Amino acid sequence: MASKVTTAGADLDESDEGAAAKPQKTSFLAGLIGRFKGLSRKQLMLFGGALLLVVLLAGAALYFFGGGKDGPAPPKGVFHDLPELVVNLAATTERPQYLRMKVTLEVADAAVIETLKPVMPRVLDTFQVHLRELRAVDLEGSAGLFRLREELTRRVNRAIAPARIKAVLFKEIVVQ
């Protein structure tokens, strides 16, 4: 019995040595196709459908979530600085309070700036009138600045209609 085990072991060693001596020259695709030879047609169609679904989901994820390190490109726009505004706020105490602000307008293209230039005195006047009615408490917090930004954007768009600006951007706001 021991001789049979030795003989069988020797046979295995010889077959392993022969396999190691002769490298297999099959391509990756041929090896992949060889793995699927035992599958039925229905199983192949299910596997192909699942593979197609995975590829489509990965493509959709890349499309919707950016897919790159850079992310989406920032929106392009043209910026126009307005002169610094200093206004006296509506005071409820004896001490006057002042608002100093620097504003930039964001527009889609330079043509809107050309529309804006002739009516700039009207825009500045509407800013002054609105800002003089504000109190210091109206400008507190992010909600106060958001309301101010929306109101100033609305006033500029009304002055230059039918042209429109994208946004009013605050460069500096100081309440003294």
N, C-alpha and C. Protein backbone atom coordinates (compact mmCIF):
# COMPACT_ATOMS: atom_id res chain seq x y z
N MET A 1 0.81 -1.18 0.00
CA MET A 1 0.00 0.00 0.00
C MET A 1 0.85 1.25 0.00
N ALA A 2 1.96 1.16 0.68
CA ALA A 2 2.85 2.30 0.72
C ALA A 2 3.42 2.58 -0.65
N SER A 3 3.64 1.52 -1.43
CA SER A 3 4.19 1.72 -2.77
C SER A 3 3.20 2.40 -3.68
N LYS A 4 1.91 2.09 -3.49
CA LYS A 4 0.90 2.75 -4.31
C LYS A 4 0.83 4.24 -4.02
N VAL A 5 0.93 4.58 -2.76
CA VAL A 5 0.89 5.99 -2.37
C VAL A 5 2.08 6.72 -2.96
N THR A 6 3.24 6.06 -2.89
CA THR A 6 4.44 6.67 -3.43
C THR A 6 4.33 6.82 -4.93
N THR A 7 3.79 5.80 -5.60
CA THR A 7 3.64 5.84 -7.04
C THR A 7 2.65 6.92 -7.44
N ALA A 8 1.55 7.00 -6.71
CA ALA A 8 0.56 8.03 -7.03
C ALA A 8 1.14 9.40 -6.79
N GLY A 9 1.91 9.54 -5.71
CA GLY A 9 2.55 10.82 -5.43
C GLY A 9 3.56 11.16 -6.50
N ALA A 10 4.29 10.18 -6.97
CA ALA A 10 5.27 10.41 -8.02
C ALA A 10 4.58 10.82 -9.30
N ASP A 11 3.44 10.17 -9.57
CA ASP A 11 2.68 10.54 -10.77
C ASP A 11 2.22 11.99 -10.68
N LEU A 12 1.77 12.40 -9.50
CA LEU A 12 1.31 13.77 -9.33
C LEU A 12 2.47 14.75 -9.50
N ASP A 13 3.62 14.39 -8.95
CA ASP A 13 4.77 15.27 -9.07
C ASP A 13 5.18 15.42 -10.52
N GLU A 14 5.12 14.31 -11.28
CA GLU A 14 5.50 14.38 -12.70
C GLU A 14 4.53 15.24 -13.49
N SER A 15 3.22 15.13 -13.18
CA SER A 15 2.24 15.93 -13.92
C SER A 15 2.37 17.41 -13.56
N ASP A 16 2.70 17.69 -12.31
CA ASP A 16 2.90 19.08 -11.90
C ASP A 16 4.13 19.66 -12.56
N GLU A 17 5.20 18.88 -12.64
CA GLU A 17 6.41 19.36 -13.28
C GLU A 17 6.18 19.61 -14.76
N GLY A 18 5.41 18.75 -15.38
CA GLY A 18 5.12 18.92 -16.81
C GLY A 18 4.29 20.17 -17.06
N ALA A 19 3.37 20.44 -16.14
CA ALA A 19 2.53 21.62 -16.31
C ALA A 19 3.34 22.88 -16.08
N ALA A 20 4.28 22.81 -15.14
CA ALA A 20 5.10 23.97 -14.86
C ALA A 20 6.08 24.22 -15.99
N ALA A 21 6.52 23.16 -16.64
CA ALA A 21 7.49 23.32 -17.73
C ALA A 21 6.85 23.89 -18.98
N LYS A 22 5.57 23.60 -19.19
CA LYS A 22 4.87 24.08 -20.38
C LYS A 22 3.91 25.21 -19.97
N PRO A 23 4.28 26.47 -20.14
CA PRO A 23 3.36 27.55 -19.78
C PRO A 23 2.17 27.57 -20.74
N GLN A 24 1.02 27.86 -20.18
CA GLN A 24 -0.18 27.92 -21.00
C GLN A 24 -0.20 29.24 -21.76
N LYS A 25 -0.50 29.14 -23.04
CA LYS A 25 -0.52 30.33 -23.89
C LYS A 25 -1.96 30.64 -24.30
N THR A 26 -2.81 30.94 -23.32
CA THR A 26 -4.18 31.30 -23.62
C THR A 26 -4.36 32.77 -23.27
N SER A 27 -5.14 33.44 -24.07
CA SER A 27 -5.40 34.85 -23.81
C SER A 27 -6.42 34.99 -22.69
N PHE A 28 -6.53 36.17 -22.17
CA PHE A 28 -7.49 36.44 -21.10
C PHE A 28 -8.91 36.18 -21.59
N LEU A 29 -9.21 36.63 -22.80
CA LEU A 29 -10.55 36.46 -23.35
C LEU A 29 -10.87 34.99 -23.56
N ALA A 30 -9.89 34.21 -24.04
CA ALA A 30 -10.13 32.78 -24.24
C ALA A 30 -10.38 32.10 -22.91
N GLY A 31 -9.64 32.49 -21.87
CA GLY A 31 -9.85 31.92 -20.55
C GLY A 31 -11.21 32.29 -19.99
N LEU A 32 -11.65 33.51 -20.26
CA LEU A 32 -12.95 33.96 -19.79
C LEU A 32 -14.07 33.22 -20.49
N ILE A 33 -13.92 33.03 -21.79
CA ILE A 33 -14.95 32.30 -22.54
C ILE A 33 -14.98 30.85 -22.09
N GLY A 34 -13.82 30.28 -21.78
CA GLY A 34 -13.76 28.90 -21.30
C GLY A 34 -14.53 28.71 -20.01
N ARG A 35 -14.56 29.71 -19.17
CA ARG A 35 -15.28 29.60 -17.90
C ARG A 35 -16.79 29.57 -18.11
N PHE A 36 -17.27 30.16 -19.18
CA PHE A 36 -18.71 30.25 -19.41
C PHE A 36 -19.23 29.14 -20.31
N LYS A 37 -18.39 28.21 -20.76
CA LYS A 37 -18.84 27.15 -21.65
C LYS A 37 -19.85 26.23 -21.00
N GLY A 38 -19.77 26.03 -19.71
CA GLY A 38 -20.66 25.11 -19.03
C GLY A 38 -22.01 25.73 -18.69
N LEU A 39 -22.19 27.02 -18.91
CA LEU A 39 -23.45 27.69 -18.55
C LEU A 39 -24.47 27.55 -19.68
N SER A 40 -25.73 27.52 -19.29
CA SER A 40 -26.79 27.46 -20.30
C SER A 40 -26.99 28.85 -20.90
N ARG A 41 -27.74 28.89 -21.95
CA ARG A 41 -28.00 30.16 -22.64
C ARG A 41 -28.77 31.13 -21.72
N LYS A 42 -29.70 30.60 -20.96
CA LYS A 42 -30.47 31.43 -20.04
C LYS A 42 -29.57 32.04 -18.96
N GLN A 43 -28.64 31.25 -18.43
CA GLN A 43 -27.72 31.75 -17.43
C GLN A 43 -26.80 32.82 -18.01
N LEU A 44 -26.35 32.63 -19.24
CA LEU A 44 -25.51 33.63 -19.90
C LEU A 44 -26.26 34.93 -20.10
N MET A 45 -27.52 34.85 -20.49
CA MET A 45 -28.31 36.08 -20.69
C MET A 45 -28.54 36.81 -19.37
N LEU A 46 -28.78 36.06 -18.29
CA LEU A 46 -28.96 36.69 -16.99
C LEU A 46 -27.66 37.36 -16.54
N PHE A 47 -26.54 36.68 -16.72
CA PHE A 47 -25.26 37.25 -16.33
C PHE A 47 -24.95 38.49 -17.18
N GLY A 48 -25.20 38.43 -18.48
CA GLY A 48 -24.97 39.58 -19.37
C GLY A 48 -25.86 40.76 -19.00
N GLY A 49 -27.12 40.49 -18.67
CA GLY A 49 -28.03 41.55 -18.27
C GLY A 49 -27.60 42.21 -16.97
N ALA A 50 -27.15 41.38 -16.01
CA ALA A 50 -26.68 41.93 -14.74
C ALA A 50 -25.43 42.78 -14.96
N LEU A 51 -24.53 42.31 -15.82
CA LEU A 51 -23.32 43.07 -16.13
C LEU A 51 -23.66 44.40 -16.80
N LEU A 52 -24.61 44.38 -17.73
CA LEU A 52 -25.04 45.60 -18.41
C LEU A 52 -25.68 46.59 -17.42
N LEU A 53 -26.46 46.06 -16.49
CA LEU A 53 -27.09 46.91 -15.48
C LEU A 53 -26.04 47.58 -14.59
N VAL A 54 -25.02 46.84 -14.20
CA VAL A 54 -23.96 47.41 -13.37
C VAL A 54 -23.23 48.52 -14.12
N VAL A 55 -22.94 48.30 -15.40
CA VAL A 55 -22.24 49.31 -16.20
C VAL A 55 -23.11 50.56 -16.35
N LEU A 56 -24.39 50.39 -16.61
CA LEU A 56 -25.29 51.53 -16.75
C LEU A 56 -25.41 52.31 -15.44
N LEU A 57 -25.51 51.61 -14.32
CA LEU A 57 -25.60 52.30 -13.03
C LEU A 57 -24.32 53.06 -12.71
N ALA A 58 -23.18 52.48 -13.03
CA ALA A 58 -21.91 53.17 -12.79
C ALA A 58 -21.82 54.42 -13.67
N GLY A 59 -22.24 54.32 -14.92
CA GLY A 59 -22.24 55.49 -15.81
C GLY A 59 -23.17 56.58 -15.31
N ALA A 60 -24.35 56.19 -14.85
CA ALA A 60 -25.31 57.17 -14.32
C ALA A 60 -24.75 57.85 -13.07
N ALA A 61 -24.10 57.08 -12.21
CA ALA A 61 -23.51 57.67 -11.00
C ALA A 61 -22.42 58.67 -11.36
N LEU A 62 -21.59 58.34 -12.33
CA LEU A 62 -20.56 59.27 -12.76
C LEU A 62 -21.16 60.53 -13.36
N TYR A 63 -22.21 60.37 -14.12
CA TYR A 63 -22.85 61.53 -14.76
C TYR A 63 -23.47 62.46 -13.71
N PHE A 64 -24.20 61.90 -12.76
CA PHE A 64 -24.91 62.74 -11.80
C PHE A 64 -24.03 63.29 -10.69
N PHE A 65 -22.98 62.57 -10.32
CA PHE A 65 -22.15 63.01 -9.20
C PHE A 65 -20.83 63.60 -9.64
N GLY A 66 -20.69 63.96 -10.88
CA GLY A 66 -19.49 64.67 -11.34
C GLY A 66 -18.42 63.77 -11.88
N GLY A 67 -18.09 62.72 -11.20
CA GLY A 67 -17.14 61.75 -11.70
C GLY A 67 -15.68 62.18 -11.65
N GLY A 68 -15.36 63.43 -11.45
CA GLY A 68 -13.97 63.85 -11.42
C GLY A 68 -13.63 64.56 -10.13
N LYS A 69 -12.35 64.79 -9.94
CA LYS A 69 -11.91 65.49 -8.74
C LYS A 69 -12.28 66.97 -8.80
N ASP A 70 -12.31 67.51 -10.00
CA ASP A 70 -12.57 68.94 -10.15
C ASP A 70 -14.01 69.30 -9.85
N GLY A 71 -14.93 68.40 -10.10
CA GLY A 71 -16.34 68.68 -9.89
C GLY A 71 -16.88 69.55 -11.02
N PRO A 72 -18.10 70.02 -10.86
CA PRO A 72 -18.67 70.85 -11.92
C PRO A 72 -17.96 72.18 -12.04
N ALA A 73 -17.91 72.71 -13.24
CA ALA A 73 -17.26 73.99 -13.47
C ALA A 73 -18.10 75.10 -12.84
N PRO A 74 -17.46 76.08 -12.22
CA PRO A 74 -18.23 77.17 -11.63
C PRO A 74 -18.92 77.98 -12.73
N PRO A 75 -20.09 78.51 -12.44
CA PRO A 75 -20.78 79.28 -13.46
C PRO A 75 -19.97 80.51 -13.85
N LYS A 76 -19.94 80.76 -15.13
CA LYS A 76 -19.19 81.92 -15.61
C LYS A 76 -20.08 83.14 -15.54
N GLY A 77 -19.46 84.24 -15.26
CA GLY A 77 -20.20 85.49 -15.18
C GLY A 77 -19.24 86.66 -15.27
N VAL A 78 -19.81 87.83 -15.39
CA VAL A 78 -19.05 89.07 -15.44
C VAL A 78 -19.43 89.85 -14.19
N PHE A 79 -18.44 90.47 -13.57
CA PHE A 79 -18.68 91.18 -12.33
C PHE A 79 -18.45 92.68 -12.52
N HIS A 80 -19.32 93.47 -11.89
CA HIS A 80 -19.23 94.93 -11.99
C HIS A 80 -19.29 95.51 -10.58
N ASP A 81 -18.23 96.21 -10.19
CA ASP A 81 -18.18 96.82 -8.86
C ASP A 81 -18.94 98.14 -8.85
N LEU A 82 -19.72 98.33 -7.81
CA LEU A 82 -20.41 99.61 -7.59
C LEU A 82 -19.55 100.44 -6.65
N PRO A 83 -19.73 101.76 -6.66
CA PRO A 83 -18.97 102.58 -5.71
C PRO A 83 -19.39 102.25 -4.28
N GLU A 84 -18.49 102.54 -3.34
CA GLU A 84 -18.77 102.28 -1.94
C GLU A 84 -19.95 103.14 -1.49
N LEU A 85 -20.85 102.53 -0.73
CA LEU A 85 -22.04 103.24 -0.23
C LEU A 85 -21.90 103.43 1.27
N VAL A 86 -22.16 104.66 1.73
CA VAL A 86 -22.20 104.96 3.16
C VAL A 86 -23.53 105.67 3.40
N VAL A 87 -24.36 105.05 4.25
CA VAL A 87 -25.68 105.63 4.53
C VAL A 87 -25.91 105.69 6.03
N ASN A 88 -26.75 106.63 6.42
CA ASN A 88 -27.17 106.78 7.80
C ASN A 88 -28.40 105.90 7.98
N LEU A 89 -28.33 104.91 8.88
CA LEU A 89 -29.46 104.00 9.10
C LEU A 89 -30.54 104.70 9.93
N ALA A 90 -31.76 104.21 9.80
CA ALA A 90 -32.86 104.72 10.61
C ALA A 90 -32.58 104.35 12.06
N ALA A 91 -32.34 105.35 12.90
CA ALA A 91 -31.92 105.10 14.28
C ALA A 91 -33.10 105.21 15.22
N THR A 92 -33.12 104.34 16.21
CA THR A 92 -34.16 104.41 17.24
C THR A 92 -33.59 105.03 18.52
N THR A 93 -32.29 105.24 18.57
CA THR A 93 -31.66 105.85 19.74
C THR A 93 -31.12 107.22 19.36
N GLU A 94 -30.48 107.89 20.32
CA GLU A 94 -29.92 109.21 20.05
C GLU A 94 -28.67 109.11 19.19
N ARG A 95 -27.98 108.00 19.29
CA ARG A 95 -26.72 107.83 18.58
C ARG A 95 -26.97 107.38 17.14
N PRO A 96 -26.49 108.10 16.14
CA PRO A 96 -26.70 107.67 14.76
C PRO A 96 -25.85 106.45 14.42
N GLN A 97 -26.38 105.61 13.55
CA GLN A 97 -25.65 104.43 13.08
C GLN A 97 -25.48 104.53 11.58
N TYR A 98 -24.32 104.08 11.12
CA TYR A 98 -23.99 104.17 9.70
C TYR A 98 -23.75 102.77 9.14
N LEU A 99 -24.05 102.65 7.87
CA LEU A 99 -23.79 101.42 7.14
C LEU A 99 -22.83 101.75 6.01
N ARG A 100 -21.73 101.03 5.97
CA ARG A 100 -20.79 101.18 4.86
C ARG A 100 -20.73 99.83 4.16
N MET A 101 -20.92 99.85 2.85
CA MET A 101 -20.91 98.58 2.12
C MET A 101 -20.31 98.74 0.73
N LYS A 102 -19.65 97.66 0.31
CA LYS A 102 -19.12 97.55 -1.05
C LYS A 102 -19.86 96.40 -1.71
N VAL A 103 -20.38 96.68 -2.90
CA VAL A 103 -21.24 95.72 -3.59
C VAL A 103 -20.69 95.46 -4.98
N THR A 104 -20.81 94.20 -5.42
CA THR A 104 -20.47 93.80 -6.78
C THR A 104 -21.70 93.16 -7.39
N LEU A 105 -21.97 93.48 -8.64
CA LEU A 105 -23.09 92.87 -9.34
C LEU A 105 -22.56 91.77 -10.25
N GLU A 106 -23.20 90.62 -10.21
CA GLU A 106 -22.85 89.51 -11.10
C GLU A 106 -23.86 89.46 -12.23
N VAL A 107 -23.35 89.51 -13.46
CA VAL A 107 -24.21 89.49 -14.64
C VAL A 107 -23.77 88.36 -15.55
N ALA A 108 -24.67 87.98 -16.47
CA ALA A 108 -24.38 86.87 -17.38
C ALA A 108 -23.34 87.24 -18.43
N ASP A 109 -23.42 88.45 -18.96
CA ASP A 109 -22.45 88.86 -19.98
C ASP A 109 -22.24 90.37 -19.93
N ALA A 110 -21.29 90.84 -20.69
CA ALA A 110 -20.92 92.26 -20.66
C ALA A 110 -22.02 93.16 -21.23
N ALA A 111 -22.91 92.62 -22.03
CA ALA A 111 -24.00 93.43 -22.60
C ALA A 111 -24.91 93.97 -21.50
N VAL A 112 -25.08 93.22 -20.42
CA VAL A 112 -25.93 93.68 -19.32
C VAL A 112 -25.27 94.87 -18.62
N ILE A 113 -23.95 94.85 -18.54
CA ILE A 113 -23.24 95.99 -17.92
C ILE A 113 -23.45 97.24 -18.76
N GLU A 114 -23.43 97.10 -20.05
CA GLU A 114 -23.68 98.25 -20.93
C GLU A 114 -25.10 98.77 -20.75
N THR A 115 -26.05 97.90 -20.46
CA THR A 115 -27.42 98.32 -20.17
C THR A 115 -27.48 99.00 -18.81
N LEU A 116 -26.64 98.58 -17.91
CA LEU A 116 -26.65 99.09 -16.54
C LEU A 116 -26.04 100.48 -16.42
N LYS A 117 -25.00 100.78 -17.18
CA LYS A 117 -24.27 102.04 -17.04
C LYS A 117 -25.15 103.29 -17.17
N PRO A 118 -26.03 103.39 -18.16
CA PRO A 118 -26.84 104.62 -18.26
C PRO A 118 -27.82 104.82 -17.10
N VAL A 119 -28.24 103.73 -16.45
CA VAL A 119 -29.21 103.86 -15.35
C VAL A 119 -28.57 103.71 -13.98
N MET A 120 -27.25 103.78 -13.92
CA MET A 120 -26.55 103.63 -12.64
C MET A 120 -27.00 104.65 -11.60
N PRO A 121 -27.24 105.93 -11.95
CA PRO A 121 -27.75 106.86 -10.92
C PRO A 121 -29.08 106.40 -10.32
N ARG A 122 -29.96 105.82 -11.13
CA ARG A 122 -31.24 105.33 -10.63
C ARG A 122 -31.02 104.13 -9.69
N VAL A 123 -30.11 103.25 -10.05
CA VAL A 123 -29.82 102.09 -9.21
C VAL A 123 -29.26 102.53 -7.86
N LEU A 124 -28.31 103.44 -7.87
CA LEU A 124 -27.73 103.92 -6.62
C LEU A 124 -28.77 104.65 -5.77
N ASP A 125 -29.66 105.39 -6.41
CA ASP A 125 -30.72 106.09 -5.68
C ASP A 125 -31.65 105.08 -5.00
N THR A 126 -32.04 104.03 -5.71
CA THR A 126 -32.93 103.03 -5.09
C THR A 126 -32.23 102.31 -3.94
N PHE A 127 -30.92 102.10 -4.08
CA PHE A 127 -30.15 101.51 -2.98
C PHE A 127 -30.17 102.43 -1.77
N GLN A 128 -29.88 103.73 -2.00
CA GLN A 128 -29.82 104.70 -0.90
C GLN A 128 -31.16 104.78 -0.17
N VAL A 129 -32.24 104.87 -0.93
CA VAL A 129 -33.57 105.00 -0.32
C VAL A 129 -33.87 103.77 0.53
N HIS A 130 -33.61 102.61 0.01
CA HIS A 130 -33.91 101.39 0.77
C HIS A 130 -33.01 101.27 2.00
N LEU A 131 -31.73 101.54 1.84
CA LEU A 131 -30.80 101.37 2.95
C LEU A 131 -31.06 102.35 4.08
N ARG A 132 -31.52 103.56 3.77
CA ARG A 132 -31.78 104.55 4.82
C ARG A 132 -32.99 104.17 5.67
N GLU A 133 -33.85 103.33 5.18
CA GLU A 133 -35.02 102.88 5.95
C GLU A 133 -34.70 101.70 6.86
N LEU A 134 -33.54 101.10 6.69
CA LEU A 134 -33.17 99.95 7.50
C LEU A 134 -32.68 100.37 8.88
N ARG A 135 -32.85 99.46 9.84
CA ARG A 135 -32.28 99.62 11.17
C ARG A 135 -31.16 98.61 11.31
N ALA A 136 -30.33 98.78 12.28
CA ALA A 136 -29.20 97.86 12.48
C ALA A 136 -29.69 96.44 12.76
N VAL A 137 -30.82 96.30 13.43
CA VAL A 137 -31.35 94.96 13.72
C VAL A 137 -31.83 94.25 12.46
N ASP A 138 -32.17 95.02 11.42
CA ASP A 138 -32.59 94.42 10.15
C ASP A 138 -31.44 93.72 9.43
N LEU A 139 -30.22 94.09 9.78
CA LEU A 139 -29.05 93.54 9.11
C LEU A 139 -28.36 92.45 9.93
N GLU A 140 -28.93 92.08 11.06
CA GLU A 140 -28.30 91.07 11.91
C GLU A 140 -28.52 89.67 11.36
N GLY A 141 -27.47 88.88 11.42
CA GLY A 141 -27.57 87.47 11.03
C GLY A 141 -27.58 87.27 9.52
N SER A 142 -27.48 86.01 9.15
CA SER A 142 -27.45 85.68 7.74
C SER A 142 -28.80 85.91 7.07
N ALA A 143 -29.89 85.75 7.83
CA ALA A 143 -31.22 85.97 7.25
C ALA A 143 -31.41 87.44 6.87
N GLY A 144 -30.89 88.35 7.70
CA GLY A 144 -31.00 89.77 7.39
C GLY A 144 -30.22 90.13 6.13
N LEU A 145 -29.01 89.57 6.01
CA LEU A 145 -28.22 89.84 4.80
C LEU A 145 -28.84 89.19 3.57
N PHE A 146 -29.44 88.03 3.73
CA PHE A 146 -30.11 87.38 2.60
C PHE A 146 -31.28 88.23 2.11
N ARG A 147 -32.08 88.74 3.04
CA ARG A 147 -33.21 89.61 2.65
C ARG A 147 -32.71 90.87 1.95
N LEU A 148 -31.62 91.46 2.46
CA LEU A 148 -31.06 92.65 1.84
C LEU A 148 -30.57 92.34 0.43
N ARG A 149 -29.87 91.23 0.26
CA ARG A 149 -29.38 90.83 -1.06
C ARG A 149 -30.55 90.65 -2.04
N GLU A 150 -31.60 89.98 -1.62
CA GLU A 150 -32.75 89.76 -2.49
C GLU A 150 -33.44 91.07 -2.87
N GLU A 151 -33.57 91.97 -1.91
CA GLU A 151 -34.21 93.26 -2.19
C GLU A 151 -33.37 94.10 -3.14
N LEU A 152 -32.07 94.13 -2.94
CA LEU A 152 -31.21 94.92 -3.84
C LEU A 152 -31.20 94.31 -5.24
N THR A 153 -31.20 93.00 -5.34
CA THR A 153 -31.26 92.34 -6.66
C THR A 153 -32.57 92.69 -7.36
N ARG A 154 -33.67 92.66 -6.62
CA ARG A 154 -34.97 93.00 -7.20
C ARG A 154 -34.99 94.44 -7.70
N ARG A 155 -34.41 95.36 -6.94
CA ARG A 155 -34.40 96.77 -7.33
C ARG A 155 -33.54 97.02 -8.56
N VAL A 156 -32.40 96.35 -8.65
CA VAL A 156 -31.55 96.51 -9.84
C VAL A 156 -32.26 95.94 -11.07
N ASN A 157 -32.85 94.78 -10.92
CA ASN A 157 -33.54 94.16 -12.07
C ASN A 157 -34.72 95.00 -12.54
N ARG A 158 -35.40 95.65 -11.61
CA ARG A 158 -36.50 96.52 -12.01
C ARG A 158 -35.97 97.75 -12.76
N ALA A 159 -34.81 98.26 -12.37
CA ALA A 159 -34.25 99.45 -13.01
C ALA A 159 -33.72 99.16 -14.41
N ILE A 160 -33.22 97.96 -14.66
CA ILE A 160 -32.62 97.66 -15.97
C ILE A 160 -33.48 96.72 -16.81
N ALA A 161 -34.73 96.52 -16.43
CA ALA A 161 -35.61 95.60 -17.17
C ALA A 161 -35.64 95.98 -18.65
N PRO A 162 -35.64 95.05 -19.54
CA PRO A 162 -35.81 93.60 -19.47
C PRO A 162 -34.52 92.83 -19.19
N ALA A 163 -33.38 93.51 -19.14
CA ALA A 163 -32.14 92.82 -18.78
C ALA A 163 -32.20 92.43 -17.31
N ARG A 164 -31.37 91.46 -16.92
CA ARG A 164 -31.38 90.97 -15.55
C ARG A 164 -29.96 90.71 -15.07
N ILE A 165 -29.75 90.91 -13.77
CA ILE A 165 -28.49 90.53 -13.16
C ILE A 165 -28.69 89.18 -12.48
N LYS A 166 -27.58 88.47 -12.25
CA LYS A 166 -27.68 87.18 -11.56
C LYS A 166 -27.78 87.38 -10.05
N ALA A 167 -26.91 88.24 -9.51
CA ALA A 167 -26.89 88.38 -8.06
C ALA A 167 -26.19 89.66 -7.64
N VAL A 168 -26.50 90.08 -6.42
CA VAL A 168 -25.77 91.15 -5.75
C VAL A 168 -24.85 90.45 -4.76
N LEU A 169 -23.56 90.76 -4.86
CA LEU A 169 -22.57 90.13 -3.99
C LEU A 169 -21.99 91.19 -3.05
N PHE A 170 -21.93 90.89 -1.78
CA PHE A 170 -21.40 91.82 -0.79
C PHE A 170 -19.90 91.58 -0.65
N LYS A 171 -19.11 92.63 -0.86
CA LYS A 171 -17.68 92.54 -0.63
C LYS A 171 -17.35 92.96 0.79
N GLU A 172 -18.12 93.92 1.29
CA GLU A 172 -17.87 94.42 2.64
C GLU A 172 -19.15 95.05 3.18
N ILE A 173 -19.46 94.76 4.43
CA ILE A 173 -20.60 95.39 5.11
C ILE A 173 -20.14 95.70 6.54
N VAL A 174 -20.25 96.98 6.88
CA VAL A 174 -19.86 97.42 8.23
C VAL A 174 -20.98 98.30 8.78
N VAL A 175 -21.47 97.95 9.95
CA VAL A 175 -22.45 98.78 10.65
C VAL A 175 -21.73 99.41 11.82
N GLN A 176 -21.72 100.76 11.87
CA GLN A 176 -21.03 101.47 12.95
C GLN A 176 -22.02 102.19 13.82
